[in-house]
Amino acid sequence: MAEIQAGRLMNPRSVPEANYVFAQEAAAKPISLPVNLLVVDDDAHVRELCRSVAMESGMKVSDVSTAEEALEVTCHRIERQRR
């Protein structure tokens, strides 16, 4: 299971530094606008972890497991906004 240390959500699989989520720092900043986040990762545990942290911060979250799905979701949302 992941743990939070020194303001960072640490992935137990020791992923590179660039993949760490700065969970506490993000949660500490107030969100003034509605924020929609699309999480894309092939690992269901990573998606759920990102989803949980983002939702706790007040974001609306969707998640998909492939780039193709991400493009579909994004295109669908753009089409809806144009209507």
Protein backbone atom coordinates (compact mmCIF):
# COMPACT_ATOMS: atom_id res chain seq x y z
CA MET A 1 0.00 0.00 0.00
CA ALA A 2 1.16 3.54 -0.67
CA GLU A 3 2.15 5.83 2.15
CA ILE A 4 2.56 9.56 2.49
CA GLN A 5 6.01 10.76 3.56
CA ALA A 6 7.37 14.30 3.57
CA GLY A 7 4.49 15.66 1.50
CA ARG A 8 4.67 13.02 -1.20
CA LEU A 9 2.55 10.03 -1.97
CA MET A 10 5.12 7.29 -2.32
CA ASN A 11 4.52 4.44 -4.72
CA PRO A 12 5.61 1.17 -3.13
CA ARG A 13 6.98 -0.10 -6.44
CA SER A 14 9.70 2.60 -6.43
CA VAL A 15 8.70 4.33 -9.63
CA PRO A 16 10.94 7.18 -10.85
CA GLU A 17 10.76 10.51 -9.01
CA ALA A 18 8.83 12.07 -11.91
CA ASN A 19 5.88 9.75 -11.24
CA TYR A 20 5.37 10.72 -7.59
CA VAL A 21 2.21 12.59 -6.75
CA PHE A 22 2.60 15.59 -4.49
CA ALA A 23 -0.61 14.71 -2.69
CA GLN A 24 -0.43 16.82 0.44
CA GLU A 25 0.76 19.90 -1.45
CA ALA A 26 -2.05 19.58 -3.99
CA ALA A 27 -4.66 18.97 -1.31
CA ALA A 28 -3.53 22.02 0.66
CA LYS A 29 -4.21 24.44 -2.20
CA PRO A 30 -7.84 25.56 -2.49
CA ILE A 31 -9.46 24.92 -5.85
CA SER A 32 -11.55 27.85 -6.97
CA LEU A 33 -12.74 26.52 -10.33
CA PRO A 34 -14.29 23.14 -11.10
CA VAL A 35 -11.40 20.89 -12.05
CA ASN A 36 -11.88 17.79 -14.19
CA LEU A 37 -9.05 15.28 -14.16
CA LEU A 38 -8.56 12.35 -16.52
CA VAL A 39 -6.25 9.73 -15.05
CA VAL A 40 -4.62 7.45 -17.63
CA ASP A 41 -2.66 4.44 -16.41
CA ASP A 42 -2.72 0.74 -17.20
CA ASP A 43 -2.38 -0.15 -13.52
CA ALA A 44 -5.77 -0.18 -11.80
CA HIS A 45 -4.20 0.43 -8.38
CA VAL A 46 -2.42 3.57 -9.60
CA ARG A 47 -5.64 4.85 -11.19
CA GLU A 48 -7.58 4.29 -7.97
CA LEU A 49 -4.90 5.96 -5.86
CA CYS A 50 -4.82 9.03 -8.15
CA ARG A 51 -8.61 9.09 -8.25
CA SER A 52 -8.87 9.02 -4.45
CA VAL A 53 -6.33 11.80 -3.91
CA ALA A 54 -7.89 14.02 -6.58
CA MET A 55 -11.43 13.48 -5.32
CA GLU A 56 -10.34 14.38 -1.78
CA SER A 57 -9.07 17.64 -3.28
CA GLY A 58 -12.48 18.36 -4.76
CA MET A 59 -11.79 17.38 -8.36
CA LYS A 60 -14.14 15.55 -10.68
CA VAL A 61 -12.23 12.48 -11.83
CA SER A 62 -12.50 10.03 -14.68
CA ASP A 63 -10.04 7.25 -15.31
CA VAL A 64 -9.11 5.03 -18.24
CA SER A 65 -6.45 2.42 -18.80
CA THR A 66 -5.24 3.24 -22.34
CA ALA A 67 -4.29 6.22 -24.47
CA GLU A 68 -6.97 5.23 -26.96
CA GLU A 69 -9.64 5.42 -24.26
CA ALA A 70 -8.26 8.78 -23.15
CA LEU A 71 -8.61 10.15 -26.68
CA GLU A 72 -12.17 8.85 -26.93
CA VAL A 73 -13.16 10.46 -23.63
CA THR A 74 -11.48 13.74 -24.54
CA CYS A 75 -13.06 13.90 -28.01
CA HIS A 76 -16.47 13.07 -26.57
CA ARG A 77 -16.18 15.87 -24.00
CA ILE A 78 -15.09 18.37 -26.65
CA GLU A 79 -18.07 17.42 -28.82
CA ARG A 80 -20.44 17.85 -25.86
CA GLN A 81 -19.05 21.30 -25.12
CA ARG A 82 -19.59 22.43 -28.72
CA ARG A 83 -23.32 21.62 -28.57
